[in-house]
N, C-alpha and C. Protein backbone atom coordinates (compact mmCIF):
# COMPACT_ATOMS: atom_id res chain seq x y z
N MET A 1 33.52 -13.34 -8.30
CA MET A 1 32.92 -12.59 -7.21
C MET A 1 33.98 -12.29 -6.14
N ALA A 2 33.95 -11.11 -5.65
CA ALA A 2 34.87 -10.73 -4.58
C ALA A 2 34.33 -11.25 -3.25
N ARG A 3 35.23 -11.60 -2.38
CA ARG A 3 34.83 -12.03 -1.05
C ARG A 3 34.48 -10.80 -0.23
N VAL A 4 33.31 -10.79 0.32
CA VAL A 4 32.87 -9.66 1.13
C VAL A 4 33.42 -9.83 2.54
N GLN A 5 34.06 -8.78 3.03
CA GLN A 5 34.66 -8.84 4.36
C GLN A 5 33.66 -8.33 5.39
N ALA A 6 32.83 -9.22 5.84
CA ALA A 6 31.84 -8.92 6.86
C ALA A 6 31.67 -10.17 7.71
N SER A 7 31.29 -9.97 8.95
CA SER A 7 31.04 -11.13 9.81
C SER A 7 29.87 -11.93 9.26
N ASP A 8 29.80 -13.18 9.64
CA ASP A 8 28.69 -14.02 9.19
C ASP A 8 27.36 -13.42 9.63
N GLU A 9 27.33 -12.86 10.83
CA GLU A 9 26.10 -12.25 11.36
C GLU A 9 25.68 -11.03 10.52
N THR A 10 26.65 -10.17 10.19
CA THR A 10 26.37 -8.99 9.38
C THR A 10 25.92 -9.40 7.99
N TRP A 11 26.60 -10.38 7.39
CA TRP A 11 26.24 -10.84 6.05
C TRP A 11 24.82 -11.42 6.05
N ALA A 12 24.48 -12.19 7.07
CA ALA A 12 23.14 -12.78 7.16
C ALA A 12 22.08 -11.69 7.28
N ALA A 13 22.36 -10.65 8.08
CA ALA A 13 21.41 -9.54 8.23
C ALA A 13 21.23 -8.80 6.91
N PHE A 14 22.34 -8.59 6.19
CA PHE A 14 22.28 -7.92 4.89
C PHE A 14 21.44 -8.74 3.92
N ARG A 15 21.70 -10.02 3.84
CA ARG A 15 20.96 -10.90 2.94
C ARG A 15 19.47 -10.91 3.30
N ALA A 16 19.16 -10.93 4.59
CA ALA A 16 17.76 -10.95 5.02
C ALA A 16 17.04 -9.67 4.62
N GLN A 17 17.70 -8.53 4.76
CA GLN A 17 17.05 -7.26 4.42
C GLN A 17 16.84 -7.09 2.93
N LEU A 18 17.59 -7.83 2.12
CA LEU A 18 17.44 -7.73 0.67
C LEU A 18 16.13 -8.33 0.17
N GLY A 19 15.60 -9.28 0.91
CA GLY A 19 14.39 -9.94 0.44
C GLY A 19 14.66 -10.67 -0.86
N VAL A 20 13.92 -10.33 -1.91
CA VAL A 20 14.08 -11.01 -3.19
C VAL A 20 15.09 -10.32 -4.11
N THR A 21 15.66 -9.20 -3.66
CA THR A 21 16.66 -8.51 -4.47
C THR A 21 17.94 -9.35 -4.53
N PRO A 22 18.45 -9.63 -5.73
CA PRO A 22 19.69 -10.39 -5.83
C PRO A 22 20.86 -9.63 -5.19
N VAL A 23 21.77 -10.37 -4.58
CA VAL A 23 22.94 -9.76 -3.95
C VAL A 23 23.72 -8.94 -4.97
N SER A 24 23.84 -9.42 -6.19
CA SER A 24 24.60 -8.70 -7.22
C SER A 24 23.99 -7.32 -7.48
N VAL A 25 22.68 -7.22 -7.45
CA VAL A 25 22.01 -5.93 -7.65
C VAL A 25 22.29 -5.00 -6.47
N ALA A 26 22.17 -5.52 -5.26
CA ALA A 26 22.40 -4.71 -4.07
C ALA A 26 23.84 -4.23 -4.00
N LEU A 27 24.79 -5.12 -4.30
CA LEU A 27 26.19 -4.72 -4.28
C LEU A 27 26.50 -3.72 -5.38
N GLY A 28 25.85 -3.86 -6.52
CA GLY A 28 26.00 -2.88 -7.60
C GLY A 28 25.54 -1.50 -7.15
N ARG A 29 24.44 -1.44 -6.43
CA ARG A 29 23.94 -0.16 -5.91
C ARG A 29 24.93 0.45 -4.92
N LEU A 30 25.51 -0.40 -4.07
CA LEU A 30 26.49 0.10 -3.11
C LEU A 30 27.72 0.67 -3.82
N VAL A 31 28.16 -0.01 -4.88
CA VAL A 31 29.30 0.48 -5.65
C VAL A 31 28.95 1.82 -6.30
N GLU A 32 27.75 1.92 -6.87
CA GLU A 32 27.33 3.18 -7.49
C GLU A 32 27.30 4.31 -6.48
N ARG A 33 26.82 4.03 -5.27
CA ARG A 33 26.78 5.07 -4.22
C ARG A 33 28.18 5.52 -3.84
N GLU A 34 29.10 4.57 -3.76
CA GLU A 34 30.47 4.92 -3.39
C GLU A 34 31.13 5.75 -4.48
N VAL A 35 30.92 5.38 -5.72
CA VAL A 35 31.48 6.16 -6.84
C VAL A 35 30.87 7.56 -6.84
N ALA A 36 29.56 7.67 -6.60
CA ALA A 36 28.90 8.97 -6.55
C ALA A 36 29.45 9.81 -5.40
N ARG A 37 29.73 9.18 -4.26
CA ARG A 37 30.27 9.90 -3.11
C ARG A 37 31.63 10.51 -3.47
N THR A 38 32.46 9.72 -4.13
CA THR A 38 33.77 10.21 -4.55
C THR A 38 33.62 11.34 -5.56
N ALA A 39 32.68 11.18 -6.49
CA ALA A 39 32.45 12.22 -7.51
C ALA A 39 31.97 13.52 -6.85
N ARG A 40 31.11 13.41 -5.83
CA ARG A 40 30.65 14.61 -5.13
C ARG A 40 31.82 15.33 -4.48
N SER A 41 32.75 14.57 -3.95
CA SER A 41 33.88 15.16 -3.24
C SER A 41 34.91 15.79 -4.16
N SER A 42 34.98 15.32 -5.40
CA SER A 42 36.06 15.79 -6.27
C SER A 42 35.59 16.56 -7.50
N ALA A 43 34.29 16.83 -7.61
CA ALA A 43 33.78 17.54 -8.79
C ALA A 43 34.40 18.92 -8.90
N SER A 44 34.82 19.29 -10.13
CA SER A 44 35.41 20.61 -10.30
C SER A 44 34.91 21.32 -11.56
N ASP A 45 34.60 20.57 -12.64
CA ASP A 45 34.09 21.24 -13.83
C ASP A 45 32.59 21.47 -13.67
N ALA A 46 32.04 22.37 -14.46
CA ALA A 46 30.64 22.79 -14.30
C ALA A 46 29.67 21.61 -14.36
N GLU A 47 29.82 20.71 -15.32
CA GLU A 47 28.89 19.58 -15.44
C GLU A 47 29.06 18.62 -14.26
N GLY A 48 30.29 18.37 -13.86
CA GLY A 48 30.54 17.50 -12.72
C GLY A 48 29.94 18.06 -11.44
N VAL A 49 30.08 19.36 -11.26
CA VAL A 49 29.51 20.02 -10.08
C VAL A 49 27.99 19.93 -10.12
N ARG A 50 27.39 20.14 -11.29
CA ARG A 50 25.93 20.06 -11.41
C ARG A 50 25.43 18.66 -11.03
N VAL A 51 26.08 17.63 -11.56
CA VAL A 51 25.69 16.25 -11.26
C VAL A 51 25.92 15.94 -9.79
N ALA A 52 27.06 16.39 -9.25
CA ALA A 52 27.36 16.15 -7.84
C ALA A 52 26.35 16.84 -6.93
N LEU A 53 25.95 18.06 -7.30
CA LEU A 53 24.97 18.79 -6.51
C LEU A 53 23.61 18.08 -6.53
N GLU A 54 23.20 17.61 -7.69
CA GLU A 54 21.95 16.87 -7.82
C GLU A 54 22.00 15.60 -6.96
N ASP A 55 23.11 14.90 -7.01
CA ASP A 55 23.28 13.69 -6.22
C ASP A 55 23.28 14.00 -4.72
N ALA A 56 23.98 15.07 -4.34
CA ALA A 56 24.04 15.46 -2.93
C ALA A 56 22.65 15.82 -2.41
N ARG A 57 21.85 16.48 -3.23
CA ARG A 57 20.48 16.81 -2.81
C ARG A 57 19.66 15.54 -2.59
N GLU A 58 19.85 14.53 -3.43
CA GLU A 58 19.13 13.27 -3.25
C GLU A 58 19.55 12.59 -1.95
N VAL A 59 20.84 12.60 -1.66
CA VAL A 59 21.33 12.05 -0.40
C VAL A 59 20.72 12.83 0.77
N ALA A 60 20.65 14.15 0.67
CA ALA A 60 20.07 14.97 1.73
C ALA A 60 18.60 14.64 1.94
N ARG A 61 17.87 14.39 0.86
CA ARG A 61 16.45 14.01 0.99
C ARG A 61 16.32 12.67 1.71
N GLU A 62 17.19 11.72 1.35
CA GLU A 62 17.16 10.41 2.01
C GLU A 62 17.45 10.55 3.50
N LEU A 63 18.46 11.36 3.83
CA LEU A 63 18.80 11.57 5.24
C LEU A 63 17.67 12.27 6.00
N ALA A 64 17.06 13.26 5.38
CA ALA A 64 15.94 13.97 6.02
C ALA A 64 14.79 13.01 6.30
N ALA A 65 14.50 12.11 5.36
CA ALA A 65 13.43 11.13 5.56
C ALA A 65 13.79 10.18 6.69
N LEU A 66 15.04 9.76 6.75
CA LEU A 66 15.48 8.87 7.82
C LEU A 66 15.40 9.56 9.18
N ILE A 67 15.85 10.79 9.24
CA ILE A 67 15.78 11.56 10.49
C ILE A 67 14.34 11.73 10.93
N ALA A 68 13.45 12.07 9.99
CA ALA A 68 12.04 12.26 10.32
C ALA A 68 11.41 10.97 10.86
N ARG A 69 11.86 9.83 10.36
CA ARG A 69 11.33 8.55 10.84
C ARG A 69 11.91 8.19 12.21
N LEU A 70 13.19 8.48 12.44
CA LEU A 70 13.85 8.06 13.66
C LEU A 70 13.60 8.98 14.85
N GLU A 71 13.48 10.28 14.62
CA GLU A 71 13.31 11.22 15.74
C GLU A 71 12.13 10.89 16.63
N PRO A 72 10.95 10.60 16.07
CA PRO A 72 9.83 10.27 16.97
C PRO A 72 10.10 9.00 17.79
N LEU A 73 10.83 8.08 17.22
CA LEU A 73 11.14 6.84 17.94
C LEU A 73 12.12 7.09 19.07
N ALA A 74 12.99 8.09 18.89
CA ALA A 74 13.99 8.42 19.90
C ALA A 74 13.45 9.42 20.92
N GLY A 75 12.30 9.99 20.64
CA GLY A 75 11.72 10.98 21.53
C GLY A 75 12.45 12.31 21.51
N GLU A 76 13.15 12.57 20.40
CA GLU A 76 13.89 13.83 20.27
C GLU A 76 13.12 14.81 19.39
N PRO A 77 13.14 16.09 19.75
CA PRO A 77 12.50 17.09 18.90
C PRO A 77 13.31 17.32 17.64
N VAL A 78 12.63 17.77 16.59
CA VAL A 78 13.31 18.14 15.35
C VAL A 78 14.13 19.38 15.65
N SER A 79 15.40 19.37 15.24
CA SER A 79 16.27 20.52 15.49
C SER A 79 17.16 20.75 14.28
N GLY A 80 17.77 21.91 14.25
CA GLY A 80 18.65 22.26 13.14
C GLY A 80 20.07 21.75 13.32
N GLY A 81 20.40 21.26 14.47
CA GLY A 81 21.76 20.80 14.71
C GLY A 81 21.80 19.88 15.89
N ARG A 82 22.99 19.34 16.13
CA ARG A 82 23.17 18.43 17.24
C ARG A 82 23.82 19.16 18.39
N SER A 83 23.46 18.78 19.59
CA SER A 83 24.13 19.34 20.74
C SER A 83 24.73 18.19 21.55
N HIS A 84 25.85 18.46 22.16
CA HIS A 84 26.55 17.40 22.90
C HIS A 84 26.70 17.81 24.33
């Protein structure tokens, strides 16, 4: 097992949020997401682009769901972009 470089507090929070999910399963998912992120960034052949696009759409759906959940809590209206 690789040593995870996180503070004890961060590691404890991660472990708590996992519930009954084994750490090995959660870390495997994180590795898969990182590999998919790299694949999305470097896809060039037709099949790679198709897979990357499908994966990117799934990430976009996850982000949209997160934004929809957080915006009401922040008291911010739904918008198409950020303003600073």
